[in-house]
Each structure stands twice: as structure tokens, then as C-alpha cells.
Amino acid sequence: MSDQPPAIPATITFDDFAKIDLRVARVLEAKPHPNADRLLVLKVDLGTEQRQIVAGIRGYYEPEALVGKSVIVVANLAPRTMRGEVSQGMLLAASNDDRSQVIVVTPMADIAPGAKVS
């Protein structure tokens, strides 16, 4: 196991980055995915709407510990079905190389759901 961070991939333009809509979301509900050991199914509030997001954090977080927390999500990612559950966005998290540690990205202070992250 290396203590070195992973290599940084090729650069993108500012216009590429500007296409990503990062938003603050508040977790309303969280439950284990019925058909996948590593996934949680989250219901989140984006301020103007509620969505379902499937996230690969089941081994790192208990569902009830996420309820009420603010998280950062990619709000404009095309929906994707993951093991029979539709995910309408992506939860951001940081992890080390061997995924022994996974940390959900959260704002440092309370801010309303739907706030834009830039």
C-alpha cells in the first residue's frame, strides 16, 4: 500500500468543468440496496426537488447516520439504473487507494439544500 495520492488525470478545460452541476443535498432517507451489498439508496432534497441517488458507501456508513446530513452531489448526471434502482445523480466522496477509508464530501457549515457548489 502506497501513501502516495493517485496520479492526477489529464487536464480538462474550464468549459468542461462548468458543465458539472454540483449541489448541496440533504439526505432525507437512507437504506441498504435490496440487491447489492455495497450500495445504499438515498432519498435527497435538492431544494426544488427530491431525488433518489444510489451510492457505493454501504460498508462505510450506516444508513441512519446519513439522515439529516448535507452532502455534495452531481445534480446533472444522466440517470442510471444500478442493480434495479435508478440513481438520479452522484454522491461525492473521497477514498484512499485501497478504499479502506471512504469519506462523504460535506459542506463545512450548514447551507440550504440546492446551494450551488463551485
PDB file of N, CA and C in Angstrom:
ATOM      1  N   MET A   1       0.842  -1.170   0.000  1.00  0.00           N
ATOM      2  CA  MET A   1       0.000   0.000   0.000  1.00  0.00           C
ATOM      3  C   MET A   1       0.888   1.235   0.000  1.00  0.00           C
ATOM      4  N   SER A   2       0.580   2.178  -0.879  1.00  0.00           N
ATOM      5  CA  SER A   2       1.373   3.381  -1.017  1.00  0.00           C
ATOM      6  C   SER A   2       0.692   4.547  -0.309  1.00  0.00           C
ATOM      7  N   ASP A   3       1.507   5.424   0.276  1.00  0.00           N
ATOM      8  CA  ASP A   3       0.972   6.630   0.891  1.00  0.00           C
ATOM      9  C   ASP A   3       0.866   7.760  -0.125  1.00  0.00           C
ATOM     10  N   GLN A   4       1.254   7.486  -1.356  1.00  0.00           N
ATOM     11  CA  GLN A   4       1.195   8.493  -2.400  1.00  0.00           C
ATOM     12  C   GLN A   4      -0.231   8.615  -2.935  1.00  0.00           C
ATOM     13  N   PRO A   5      -0.684   9.845  -3.206  1.00  0.00           N
ATOM     14  CA  PRO A   5      -2.005  10.007  -3.806  1.00  0.00           C
ATOM     15  C   PRO A   5      -1.986   9.480  -5.238  1.00  0.00           C
ATOM     16  N   PRO A   6      -3.143   9.117  -5.774  1.00  0.00           N
ATOM     17  CA  PRO A   6      -3.180   8.630  -7.152  1.00  0.00           C
ATOM     18  C   PRO A   6      -2.746   9.727  -8.119  1.00  0.00           C
ATOM     19  N   ALA A   7      -2.255   9.320  -9.265  1.00  0.00           N
ATOM     20  CA  ALA A   7      -1.822  10.272 -10.283  1.00  0.00           C
ATOM     21  C   ALA A   7      -3.006  11.122 -10.729  1.00  0.00           C
ATOM     22  N   ILE A   8      -2.730  12.379 -11.026  1.00  0.00           N
ATOM     23  CA  ILE A   8      -3.781  13.283 -11.493  1.00  0.00           C
ATOM     24  C   ILE A   8      -4.001  13.011 -12.975  1.00  0.00           C
ATOM     25  N   PRO A   9      -5.269  12.786 -13.375  1.00  0.00           N
ATOM     26  CA  PRO A   9      -5.546  12.508 -14.787  1.00  0.00           C
ATOM     27  C   PRO A   9      -5.330  13.751 -15.661  1.00  0.00           C
ATOM     28  N   ALA A  10      -5.469  13.562 -16.943  1.00  0.00           N
ATOM     29  CA  ALA A  10      -5.287  14.655 -17.894  1.00  0.00           C
ATOM     30  C   ALA A  10      -6.175  15.841 -17.521  1.00  0.00           C
ATOM     31  N   THR A  11      -5.707  17.030 -17.839  1.00  0.00           N
ATOM     32  CA  THR A  11      -6.465  18.236 -17.519  1.00  0.00           C
ATOM     33  C   THR A  11      -7.698  18.372 -18.412  1.00  0.00           C
ATOM     34  N   ILE A  12      -8.672  19.120 -17.903  1.00  0.00           N
ATOM     35  CA  ILE A  12      -9.858  19.458 -18.686  1.00  0.00           C
ATOM     36  C   ILE A  12      -9.931  20.979 -18.765  1.00  0.00           C
ATOM     37  N   THR A  13     -10.754  21.471 -19.651  1.00  0.00           N
ATOM     38  CA  THR A  13     -10.904  22.922 -19.772  1.00  0.00           C
ATOM     39  C   THR A  13     -11.903  23.422 -18.734  1.00  0.00           C
ATOM     40  N   PHE A  14     -11.879  24.726 -18.494  1.00  0.00           N
ATOM     41  CA  PHE A  14     -12.860  25.321 -17.597  1.00  0.00           C
ATOM     42  C   PHE A  14     -14.267  25.066 -18.120  1.00  0.00           C
ATOM     43  N   ASP A  15     -14.447  25.128 -19.431  1.00  0.00           N
ATOM     44  CA  ASP A  15     -15.772  24.875 -20.013  1.00  0.00           C
ATOM     45  C   ASP A  15     -16.251  23.460 -19.701  1.00  0.00           C
ATOM     46  N   ASP A  16     -15.328  22.488 -19.691  1.00  0.00           N
ATOM     47  CA  ASP A  16     -15.699  21.118 -19.308  1.00  0.00           C
ATOM     48  C   ASP A  16     -16.180  21.085 -17.857  1.00  0.00           C
ATOM     49  N   PHE A  17     -15.416  21.716 -16.965  1.00  0.00           N
ATOM     50  CA  PHE A  17     -15.787  21.748 -15.553  1.00  0.00           C
ATOM     51  C   PHE A  17     -17.118  22.451 -15.340  1.00  0.00           C
ATOM     52  N   ALA A  18     -17.354  23.529 -16.075  1.00  0.00           N
ATOM     53  CA  ALA A  18     -18.581  24.315 -15.921  1.00  0.00           C
ATOM     54  C   ALA A  18     -19.833  23.507 -16.260  1.00  0.00           C
ATOM     55  N   LYS A  19     -19.686  22.423 -16.981  1.00  0.00           N
ATOM     56  CA  LYS A  19     -20.835  21.575 -17.325  1.00  0.00           C
ATOM     57  C   LYS A  19     -21.328  20.761 -16.127  1.00  0.00           C
ATOM     58  N   ILE A  20     -20.497  20.589 -15.112  1.00  0.00           N
ATOM     59  CA  ILE A  20     -20.854  19.776 -13.944  1.00  0.00           C
ATOM     60  C   ILE A  20     -21.610  20.653 -12.953  1.00  0.00           C
ATOM     61  N   ASP A  21     -22.827  20.234 -12.603  1.00  0.00           N
ATOM     62  CA  ASP A  21     -23.656  20.982 -11.666  1.00  0.00           C
ATOM     63  C   ASP A  21     -23.558  20.320 -10.290  1.00  0.00           C
ATOM     64  N   LEU A  22     -22.697  20.878  -9.438  1.00  0.00           N
ATOM     65  CA  LEU A  22     -22.526  20.367  -8.078  1.00  0.00           C
ATOM     66  C   LEU A  22     -23.481  21.123  -7.160  1.00  0.00           C
ATOM     67  N   ARG A  23     -24.244  20.376  -6.353  1.00  0.00           N
ATOM     68  CA  ARG A  23     -25.225  20.976  -5.459  1.00  0.00           C
ATOM     69  C   ARG A  23     -25.144  20.358  -4.074  1.00  0.00           C
ATOM     70  N   VAL A  24     -25.573  21.138  -3.094  1.00  0.00           N
ATOM     71  CA  VAL A  24     -25.746  20.625  -1.743  1.00  0.00           C
ATOM     72  C   VAL A  24     -27.089  19.913  -1.707  1.00  0.00           C
ATOM     73  N   ALA A  25     -27.107  18.735  -1.108  1.00  0.00           N
ATOM     74  CA  ALA A  25     -28.355  17.973  -0.933  1.00  0.00           C
ATOM     75  C   ALA A  25     -28.435  17.520   0.517  1.00  0.00           C
ATOM     76  N   ARG A  26     -29.637  17.470   1.049  1.00  0.00           N
ATOM     77  CA  ARG A  26     -29.835  16.964   2.408  1.00  0.00           C
ATOM     78  C   ARG A  26     -30.423  15.558   2.295  1.00  0.00           C
ATOM     79  N   VAL A  27     -29.823  14.621   3.015  1.00  0.00           N
ATOM     80  CA  VAL A  27     -30.286  13.233   2.989  1.00  0.00           C
ATOM     81  C   VAL A  27     -31.560  13.133   3.824  1.00  0.00           C
ATOM     82  N   LEU A  28     -32.654  12.712   3.186  1.00  0.00           N
ATOM     83  CA  LEU A  28     -33.941  12.546   3.859  1.00  0.00           C
ATOM     84  C   LEU A  28     -34.141  11.114   4.342  1.00  0.00           C
ATOM     85  N   GLU A  29     -33.690  10.174   3.531  1.00  0.00           N
ATOM     86  CA  GLU A  29     -33.818   8.750   3.851  1.00  0.00           C
ATOM     87  C   GLU A  29     -32.585   8.025   3.330  1.00  0.00           C
ATOM     88  N   ALA A  30     -32.235   6.935   3.975  1.00  0.00           N
ATOM     89  CA  ALA A  30     -31.126   6.094   3.515  1.00  0.00           C
ATOM     90  C   ALA A  30     -31.449   4.663   3.904  1.00  0.00           C
ATOM     91  N   LYS A  31     -31.232   3.749   2.961  1.00  0.00           N
ATOM     92  CA  LYS A  31     -31.499   2.334   3.237  1.00  0.00           C
ATOM     93  C   LYS A  31     -30.555   1.473   2.407  1.00  0.00           C
ATOM     94  N   PRO A  32     -30.299   0.269   2.874  1.00  0.00           N
ATOM     95  CA  PRO A  32     -29.471  -0.644   2.086  1.00  0.00           C
ATOM     96  C   PRO A  32     -30.159  -0.972   0.758  1.00  0.00           C
ATOM     97  N   HIS A  33     -29.373  -1.086  -0.272  1.00  0.00           N
ATOM     98  CA  HIS A  33     -29.888  -1.510  -1.580  1.00  0.00           C
ATOM     99  C   HIS A  33     -30.342  -2.956  -1.440  1.00  0.00           C
ATOM    100  N   PRO A  34     -31.524  -3.299  -1.940  1.00  0.00           N
ATOM    101  CA  PRO A  34     -32.018  -4.666  -1.763  1.00  0.00           C
ATOM    102  C   PRO A  34     -31.252  -5.731  -2.538  1.00  0.00           C
ATOM    103  N   ASN A  35     -30.500  -5.333  -3.574  1.00  0.00           N
ATOM    104  CA  ASN A  35     -29.828  -6.315  -4.432  1.00  0.00           C
ATOM    105  C   ASN A  35     -28.327  -6.108  -4.551  1.00  0.00           C
ATOM    106  N   ALA A  36     -27.726  -5.343  -3.623  1.00  0.00           N
ATOM    107  CA  ALA A  36     -26.286  -5.087  -3.724  1.00  0.00           C
ATOM    108  C   ALA A  36     -25.705  -4.842  -2.333  1.00  0.00           C
ATOM    109  N   ASP A  37     -24.653  -5.564  -2.005  1.00  0.00           N
ATOM    110  CA  ASP A  37     -24.029  -5.469  -0.683  1.00  0.00           C
ATOM    111  C   ASP A  37     -23.267  -4.175  -0.440  1.00  0.00           C
ATOM    112  N   ARG A  38     -22.845  -3.498  -1.490  1.00  0.00           N
ATOM    113  CA  ARG A  38     -22.006  -2.299  -1.322  1.00  0.00           C
ATOM    114  C   ARG A  38     -22.756  -0.987  -1.538  1.00  0.00           C
ATOM    115  N   LEU A  39     -24.029  -1.057  -1.855  1.00  0.00           N
ATOM    116  CA  LEU A  39     -24.762   0.152  -2.216  1.00  0.00           C
ATOM    117  C   LEU A  39     -25.791   0.562  -1.171  1.00  0.00           C
ATOM    118  N   LEU A  40     -25.960   1.885  -1.033  1.00  0.00           N
ATOM    119  CA  LEU A  40     -27.053   2.462  -0.255  1.00  0.00           C
ATOM    120  C   LEU A  40     -27.941   3.235  -1.206  1.00  0.00           C
ATOM    121  N   VAL A  41     -29.232   3.250  -0.923  1.00  0.00           N
ATOM    122  CA  VAL A  41     -30.203   4.014  -1.695  1.00  0.00           C
ATOM    123  C   VAL A  41     -30.586   5.218  -0.836  1.00  0.00           C
ATOM    124  N   LEU A  42     -30.318   6.411  -1.342  1.00  0.00           N
ATOM    125  CA  LEU A  42     -30.573   7.636  -0.611  1.00  0.00           C
ATOM    126  C   LEU A  42     -31.694   8.426  -1.266  1.00  0.00           C
ATOM    127  N   LYS A  43     -32.551   9.011  -0.459  1.00  0.00           N
ATOM    128  CA  LYS A  43     -33.519   9.992  -0.939  1.00  0.00           C
ATOM    129  C   LYS A  43     -33.001  11.327  -0.460  1.00  0.00           C
ATOM    130  N   VAL A  44     -32.747  12.258  -1.407  1.00  0.00           N
ATOM    131  CA  VAL A  44     -32.149  13.541  -1.051  1.00  0.00           C
ATOM    132  C   VAL A  44     -33.039  14.694  -1.481  1.00  0.00           C
ATOM    133  N   ASP A  45     -32.912  15.794  -0.750  1.00  0.00           N
ATOM    134  CA  ASP A  45     -33.615  17.041  -1.043  1.00  0.00           C
ATOM    135  C   ASP A  45     -32.630  17.994  -1.699  1.00  0.00           C
ATOM    136  N   LEU A  46     -32.965  18.431  -2.918  1.00  0.00           N
ATOM    137  CA  LEU A  46     -32.126  19.381  -3.644  1.00  0.00           C
ATOM    138  C   LEU A  46     -32.705  20.794  -3.613  1.00  0.00           C
ATOM    139  N   GLY A  47     -33.595  21.049  -2.682  1.00  0.00           N
ATOM    140  CA  GLY A  47     -34.187  22.373  -2.560  1.00  0.00           C
ATOM    141  C   GLY A  47     -35.446  22.536  -3.374  1.00  0.00           C
ATOM    142  N   THR A  48     -35.377  22.238  -4.662  1.00  0.00           N
ATOM    143  CA  THR A  48     -36.539  22.370  -5.542  1.00  0.00           C
ATOM    144  C   THR A  48     -37.164  21.024  -5.885  1.00  0.00           C
ATOM    145  N   GLU A  49     -36.483  19.956  -5.542  1.00  0.00           N
ATOM    146  CA  GLU A  49     -36.993  18.612  -5.834  1.00  0.00           C
ATOM    147  C   GLU A  49     -36.293  17.582  -4.957  1.00  0.00           C
ATOM    148  N   GLN A  50     -36.896  16.403  -4.894  1.00  0.00           N
ATOM    149  CA  GLN A  50     -36.291  15.273  -4.205  1.00  0.00           C
ATOM    150  C   GLN A  50     -35.899  14.243  -5.245  1.00  0.00           C
ATOM    151  N   ARG A  51     -34.785  13.570  -4.983  1.00  0.00           N
ATOM    152  CA  ARG A  51     -34.276  12.558  -5.917  1.00  0.00           C
ATOM    153  C   ARG A  51     -33.770  11.350  -5.162  1.00  0.00           C
ATOM    154  N   GLN A  52     -33.629  10.276  -5.917  1.00  0.00           N
ATOM    155  CA  GLN A  52     -33.003   9.065  -5.394  1.00  0.00           C
ATOM    156  C   GLN A  52     -31.594   8.967  -5.962  1.00  0.00           C
ATOM    157  N   ILE A  53     -30.630   8.701  -5.095  1.00  0.00           N
ATOM    158  CA  ILE A  53     -29.242   8.507  -5.510  1.00  0.00           C
ATOM    159  C   ILE A  53     -28.745   7.200  -4.910  1.00  0.00           C
ATOM    160  N   VAL A  54     -28.122   6.385  -5.726  1.00  0.00           N
ATOM    161  CA  VAL A  54     -27.528   5.133  -5.277  1.00  0.00           C
ATOM    162  C   VAL A  54     -26.028   5.371  -5.128  1.00  0.00           C
ATOM    163  N   ALA A  55     -25.487   5.037  -3.961  1.00  0.00           N
ATOM    164  CA  ALA A  55     -24.083   5.319  -3.679  1.00  0.00           C
ATOM    165  C   ALA A  55     -23.378   4.087  -3.120  1.00  0.00           C
ATOM    166  N   GLY A  56     -22.140   3.874  -3.523  1.00  0.00           N
ATOM    167  CA  GLY A  56     -21.347   2.718  -3.090  1.00  0.00           C
ATOM    168  C   GLY A  56     -20.636   2.949  -1.772  1.00  0.00           C
ATOM    169  N   ILE A  57     -21.404   3.269  -0.733  1.00  0.00           N
ATOM    170  CA  ILE A  57     -20.812   3.596   0.570  1.00  0.00           C
ATOM    171  C   ILE A  57     -21.351   2.716   1.695  1.00  0.00           C
ATOM    172  N   ARG A  58     -21.998   1.637   1.356  1.00  0.00           N
ATOM    173  CA  ARG A  58     -22.664   0.808   2.366  1.00  0.00           C
ATOM    174  C   ARG A  58     -21.714   0.250   3.423  1.00  0.00           C
ATOM    175  N   GLY A  59     -20.534  -0.124   3.070  1.00  0.00           N
ATOM    176  CA  GLY A  59     -19.599  -0.676   4.034  1.00  0.00           C
ATOM    177  C   GLY A  59     -18.931   0.370   4.919  1.00  0.00           C
ATOM    178  N   TYR A  60     -19.202   1.644   4.653  1.00  0.00           N
ATOM    179  CA  TYR A  60     -18.527   2.724   5.359  1.00  0.00           C
ATOM    180  C   TYR A  60     -19.457   3.573   6.221  1.00  0.00           C
ATOM    181  N   TYR A  61     -20.737   3.562   5.912  1.00  0.00           N
ATOM    182  CA  TYR A  61     -21.715   4.367   6.639  1.00  0.00           C
ATOM    183  C   TYR A  61     -22.958   3.549   6.945  1.00  0.00           C
ATOM    184  N   GLU A  62     -23.462   3.721   8.150  1.00  0.00           N
ATOM    185  CA  GLU A  62     -24.762   3.153   8.500  1.00  0.00           C
ATOM    186  C   GLU A  62     -25.816   4.099   7.927  1.00  0.00           C
ATOM    187  N   PRO A  63     -26.865   3.560   7.313  1.00  0.00           N
ATOM    188  CA  PRO A  63     -27.866   4.422   6.683  1.00  0.00           C
ATOM    189  C   PRO A  63     -28.411   5.508   7.608  1.00  0.00           C
ATOM    190  N   GLU A  64     -28.738   5.137   8.846  1.00  0.00           N
ATOM    191  CA  GLU A  64     -29.337   6.113   9.772  1.00  0.00           C
ATOM    192  C   GLU A  64     -28.381   7.250  10.127  1.00  0.00           C
ATOM    193  N   ALA A  65     -27.081   7.038  10.004  1.00  0.00           N
ATOM    194  CA  ALA A  65     -26.103   8.080  10.316  1.00  0.00           C
ATOM    195  C   ALA A  65     -26.084   9.168   9.243  1.00  0.00           C
ATOM    196  N   LEU A  66     -26.594   8.882   8.056  1.00  0.00           N
ATOM    197  CA  LEU A  66     -26.595   9.851   6.962  1.00  0.00           C
ATOM    198  C   LEU A  66     -27.831  10.738   6.947  1.00  0.00           C
ATOM    199  N   VAL A  67     -28.911  10.276   7.537  1.00  0.00           N
ATOM    200  CA  VAL A  67     -30.171  11.021   7.501  1.00  0.00           C
ATOM    201  C   VAL A  67     -29.993  12.366   8.202  1.00  0.00           C
ATOM    202  N   GLY A  68     -30.392  13.428   7.497  1.00  0.00           N
ATOM    203  CA  GLY A  68     -30.270  14.785   8.024  1.00  0.00           C
ATOM    204  C   GLY A  68     -28.963  15.465   7.664  1.00  0.00           C
ATOM    205  N   LYS A  69     -28.016  14.727   7.115  1.00  0.00           N
ATOM    206  CA  LYS A  69     -26.708  15.292   6.752  1.00  0.00           C
ATOM    207  C   LYS A  69     -26.779  15.995   5.393  1.00  0.00           C
ATOM    208  N   SER A  70     -25.965  17.023   5.246  1.00  0.00           N
ATOM    209  CA  SER A  70     -25.806  17.682   3.954  1.00  0.00           C
ATOM    210  C   SER A  70     -24.623  17.045   3.245  1.00  0.00           C
ATOM    211  N   VAL A  71     -24.800  16.772   1.957  1.00  0.00           N
ATOM    212  CA  VAL A  71     -23.774  16.142   1.135  1.00  0.00           C
ATOM    213  C   VAL A  71     -23.668  16.908  -0.180  1.00  0.00           C
ATOM    214  N   ILE A  72     -22.630  16.634  -0.930  1.00  0.00           N
ATOM    215  CA  ILE A  72     -22.449  17.251  -2.240  1.00  0.00           C
ATOM    216  C   ILE A  72     -22.737  16.196  -3.308  1.00  0.00           C
ATOM    217  N   VAL A  73     -23.555  16.588  -4.306  1.00  0.00           N
ATOM    218  CA  VAL A  73     -23.909  15.664  -5.371  1.00  0.00           C
ATOM    219  C   VAL A  73     -23.705  16.308  -6.740  1.00  0.00           C
ATOM    220  N   VAL A  74     -23.483  15.458  -7.738  1.00  0.00           N
ATOM    221  CA  VAL A  74     -23.508  15.895  -9.127  1.00  0.00           C
ATOM    222  C   VAL A  74     -24.975  15.810  -9.533  1.00  0.00           C
ATOM    223  N   ALA A  75     -25.595  16.971  -9.731  1.00  0.00           N
ATOM    224  CA  ALA A  75     -27.038  17.023  -9.958  1.00  0.00           C
ATOM    225  C   ALA A  75     -27.438  16.824 -11.412  1.00  0.00           C
ATOM    226  N   ASN A  76     -26.532  17.045 -12.347  1.00  0.00           N
ATOM    227  CA  ASN A  76     -26.909  16.946 -13.757  1.00  0.00           C
ATOM    228  C   ASN A  76     -26.356  15.705 -14.457  1.00  0.00           C
ATOM    229  N   LEU A  77     -26.063  14.685 -13.685  1.00  0.00           N
ATOM    230  CA  LEU A  77     -25.624  13.420 -14.263  1.00  0.00           C
ATOM    231  C   LEU A  77     -26.852  12.676 -14.791  1.00  0.00           C
ATOM    232  N   ALA A  78     -26.749  12.106 -15.957  1.00  0.00           N
ATOM    233  CA  ALA A  78     -27.881  11.360 -16.522  1.00  0.00           C
ATOM    234  C   ALA A  78     -28.269  10.210 -15.588  1.00  0.00           C
ATOM    235  N   PRO A  79     -29.569   9.952 -15.414  1.00  0.00           N
ATOM    236  CA  PRO A  79     -29.996   8.836 -14.554  1.00  0.00           C
ATOM    237  C   PRO A  79     -29.412   7.513 -15.032  1.00  0.00           C
ATOM    238  N   ARG A  80     -29.151   6.632 -14.068  1.00  0.00           N
ATOM    239  CA  ARG A  80     -28.562   5.326 -14.370  1.00  0.00           C
ATOM    240  C   ARG A  80     -29.182   4.297 -13.432  1.00  0.00           C
ATOM    241  N   THR A  81     -29.538   3.161 -13.961  1.00  0.00           N
ATOM    242  CA  THR A  81     -30.087   2.092 -13.139  1.00  0.00           C
ATOM    243  C   THR A  81     -28.942   1.231 -12.622  1.00  0.00           C
ATOM    244  N   MET A  82     -28.914   1.073 -11.291  1.00  0.00           N
ATOM    245  CA  MET A  82     -27.854   0.300 -10.646  1.00  0.00           C
ATOM    246  C   MET A  82     -28.503  -0.843  -9.866  1.00  0.00           C
ATOM    247  N   ARG A  83     -28.373  -2.039 -10.412  1.00  0.00           N
ATOM    248  CA  ARG A  83     -28.942  -3.227  -9.769  1.00  0.00           C
ATOM    249  C   ARG A  83     -30.438  -3.066  -9.511  1.00  0.00           C
ATOM    250  N   GLY A  84     -31.156  -2.485 -10.468  1.00  0.00           N
ATOM    251  CA  GLY A  84     -32.602  -2.365 -10.367  1.00  0.00           C
ATOM    252  C   GLY A  84     -33.110  -1.098  -9.709  1.00  0.00           C
ATOM    253  N   GLU A  85     -32.226  -0.241  -9.201  1.00  0.00           N
ATOM    254  CA  GLU A  85     -32.631   1.025  -8.581  1.00  0.00           C
ATOM    255  C   GLU A  85     -32.073   2.178  -9.415  1.00  0.00           C
ATOM    256  N   VAL A  86     -32.918   3.177  -9.708  1.00  0.00           N
ATOM    257  CA  VAL A  86     -32.493   4.315 -10.509  1.00  0.00           C
ATOM    258  C   VAL A  86     -31.739   5.311  -9.633  1.00  0.00           C
ATOM    259  N   SER A  87     -30.583   5.745 -10.112  1.00  0.00           N
ATOM    260  CA  SER A  87     -29.796   6.771  -9.447  1.00  0.00           C
ATOM    261  C   SER A  87     -29.878   8.037 -10.286  1.00  0.00           C
ATOM    262  N   GLN A  88     -30.332   9.131  -9.661  1.00  0.00           N
ATOM    263  CA  GLN A  88     -30.541  10.395 -10.358  1.00  0.00           C
ATOM    264  C   GLN A  88     -29.487  11.426  -9.947  1.00  0.00           C
ATOM    265  N   GLY A  89     -28.237  11.025  -9.934  1.00  0.00           N
ATOM    266  CA  GLY A  89     -27.140  11.889  -9.549  1.00  0.00           C
ATOM    267  C   GLY A  89     -26.022  11.047  -8.980  1.00  0.00           C
ATOM    268  N   MET A  90     -24.995  11.718  -8.472  1.00  0.00           N
ATOM    269  CA  MET A  90     -23.866  11.010  -7.876  1.00  0.00           C
ATOM    270  C   MET A  90     -23.425  11.730  -6.609  1.00  0.00           C
ATOM    271  N   LEU A  91     -23.276  10.970  -5.555  1.00  0.00           N
ATOM    272  CA  LEU A  91     -22.761  11.476  -4.294  1.00  0.00           C
ATOM    273  C   LEU A  91     -21.239  11.570  -4.402  1.00  0.00           C
ATOM    274  N   LEU A  92     -20.654  12.672  -3.948  1.00  0.00           N
ATOM    275  CA  LEU A  92     -19.202  12.802  -3.982  1.00  0.00           C
ATOM    276  C   LEU A  92     -18.589  12.278  -2.686  1.00  0.00           C
ATOM    277  N   ALA A  93     -17.497  11.543  -2.831  1.00  0.00           N
ATOM    278  CA  ALA A  93     -16.777  11.002  -1.681  1.00  0.00           C
ATOM    279  C   ALA A  93     -15.305  10.893  -2.044  1.00  0.00           C
ATOM    280  N   ALA A  94     -14.461  10.958  -1.033  1.00  0.00           N
ATOM    281  CA  ALA A  94     -13.021  10.780  -1.209  1.00  0.00           C
ATOM    282  C   ALA A  94     -12.645   9.425  -0.636  1.00  0.00           C
ATOM    283  N   SER A  95     -11.635   8.792  -1.238  1.00  0.00           N
ATOM    284  CA  SER A  95     -11.191   7.492  -0.720  1.00  0.00           C
ATOM    285  C   SER A  95      -9.694   7.345  -0.942  1.00  0.00           C
ATOM    286  N   ASN A  96      -9.090   6.485  -0.126  1.00  0.00           N
ATOM    287  CA  ASN A  96      -7.684   6.178  -0.347  1.00  0.00           C
ATOM    288  C   ASN A  96      -7.583   5.038  -1.362  1.00  0.00           C
ATOM    289  N   ASP A  97      -6.373   4.725  -1.795  1.00  0.00           N
ATOM    290  CA  ASP A  97      -6.170   3.756  -2.877  1.00  0.00           C
ATOM    291  C   ASP A  97      -6.844   2.407  -2.642  1.00  0.00           C
ATOM    292  N   ASP A  98      -6.758   1.888  -1.448  1.00  0.00           N
ATOM    293  CA  ASP A  98      -7.319   0.561  -1.197  1.00  0.00           C
ATOM    294  C   ASP A  98      -8.770   0.613  -0.709  1.00  0.00           C
ATOM    295  N   ARG A  99      -9.348   1.798  -0.707  1.00  0.00           N
ATOM    296  CA  ARG A  99     -10.748   2.028  -0.291  1.00  0.00           C
ATOM    297  C   ARG A  99     -11.012   1.552   1.134  1.00  0.00           C
ATOM    298  N   SER A 100      -9.974   1.553   1.967  1.00  0.00           N
ATOM    299  CA  SER A 100     -10.178   1.211   3.369  1.00  0.00           C
ATOM    300  C   SER A 100     -10.823   2.382   4.104  1.00  0.00           C
ATOM    301  N   GLN A 101     -10.789   3.545   3.490  1.00  0.00           N
ATOM    302  CA  GLN A 101     -11.414   4.730   4.061  1.00  0.00           C
ATOM    303  C   GLN A 101     -12.162   5.468   2.945  1.00  0.00           C
ATOM    304  N   VAL A 102     -13.432   5.741   3.176  1.00  0.00           N
ATOM    305  CA  VAL A 102     -14.261   6.499   2.240  1.00  0.00           C
ATOM    306  C   VAL A 102     -14.966   7.585   3.039  1.00  0.00           C
ATOM    307  N   ILE A 103     -14.798   8.827   2.614  1.00  0.00           N
ATOM    308  CA  ILE A 103     -15.345   9.981   3.322  1.00  0.00           C
ATOM    309  C   ILE A 103     -16.286  10.737   2.381  1.00  0.00           C
ATOM    310  N   VAL A 104     -17.548  10.862   2.784  1.00  0.00           N
ATOM    311  CA  VAL A 104     -18.524  11.619   2.008  1.00  0.00           C
ATOM    312  C   VAL A 104     -18.178  13.101   2.089  1.00  0.00           C
ATOM    313  N   VAL A 105     -18.230  13.792   0.944  1.00  0.00           N
ATOM    314  CA  VAL A 105     -17.931  15.216   0.882  1.00  0.00           C
ATOM    315  C   VAL A 105     -19.133  16.001   1.400  1.00  0.00           C
ATOM    316  N   THR A 106     -18.879  16.864   2.391  1.00  0.00           N
ATOM    317  CA  THR A 106     -19.947  17.658   3.001  1.00  0.00           C
ATOM    318  C   THR A 106     -19.507  19.111   3.110  1.00  0.00           C
ATOM    319  N   PRO A 107     -20.465  20.050   3.159  1.00  0.00           N
ATOM    320  CA  PRO A 107     -20.085  21.442   3.390  1.00  0.00           C
ATOM    321  C   PRO A 107     -19.616  21.626   4.834  1.00  0.00           C
ATOM    322  N   MET A 108     -18.729  22.580   5.073  1.00  0.00           N
ATOM    323  CA  MET A 108     -18.189  22.817   6.415  1.00  0.00           C
ATOM    324  C   MET A 108     -19.199  23.471   7.354  1.00  0.00           C
ATOM    325  N   ALA A 109     -20.199  24.141   6.799  1.00  0.00           N
ATOM    326  CA  ALA A 109     -21.226  24.799   7.605  1.00  0.00           C
ATOM    327  C   ALA A 109     -22.582  24.518   6.972  1.00  0.00           C
ATOM    328  N   ASP A 110     -23.632  24.748   7.742  1.00  0.00           N
ATOM    329  CA  ASP A 110     -24.979  24.492   7.250  1.00  0.00           C
ATOM    330  C   ASP A 110     -25.334  25.483   6.142  1.00  0.00           C
ATOM    331  N   ILE A 111     -25.911  24.976   5.070  1.00  0.00           N
ATOM    332  CA  ILE A 111     -26.367  25.805   3.946  1.00  0.00           C
ATOM    333  C   ILE A 111     -27.574  25.091   3.346  1.00  0.00           C
ATOM    334  N   ALA A 112     -28.461  25.844   2.748  1.00  0.00           N
ATOM    335  CA  ALA A 112     -29.726  25.298   2.246  1.00  0.00           C
ATOM    336  C   ALA A 112     -29.511  24.260   1.153  1.00  0.00           C
ATOM    337  N   PRO A 113     -30.348  23.220   1.132  1.00  0.00           N
ATOM    338  CA  PRO A 113     -30.304  22.271   0.023  1.00  0.00           C
ATOM    339  C   PRO A 113     -30.506  23.003  -1.303  1.00  0.00           C
ATOM    340  N   GLY A 114     -29.758  22.572  -2.297  1.00  0.00           N
ATOM    341  CA  GLY A 114     -29.836  23.185  -3.618  1.00  0.00           C
ATOM    342  C   GLY A 114     -28.775  24.228  -3.859  1.00  0.00           C
ATOM    343  N   ALA A 115     -28.051  24.633  -2.798  1.00  0.00           N
ATOM    344  CA  ALA A 115     -26.982  25.618  -2.971  1.00  0.00           C
ATOM    345  C   ALA A 115     -25.972  25.099  -3.988  1.00  0.00           C
ATOM    346  N   LYS A 116     -25.548  25.961  -4.883  1.00  0.00           N
ATOM    347  CA  LYS A 116     -24.582  25.592  -5.921  1.00  0.00           C
ATOM    348  C   LYS A 116     -23.188  25.547  -5.333  1.00  0.00           C
ATOM    349  N   VAL A 117     -22.431  24.532  -5.711  1.00  0.00           N
ATOM    350  CA  VAL A 117     -21.043  24.370  -5.286  1.00  0.00           C
ATOM    351  C   VAL A 117     -20.158  24.731  -6.477  1.00  0.00           C
ATOM    352  N   SER A 118     -19.187  25.595  -6.237  1.00  0.00           N
ATOM    353  CA  SER A 118     -18.303  25.991  -7.347  1.00  0.00           C
ATOM    354  C   SER A 118     -16.880  26.072  -6.853  1.00  0.00           C
TER     355      SER A 118
END
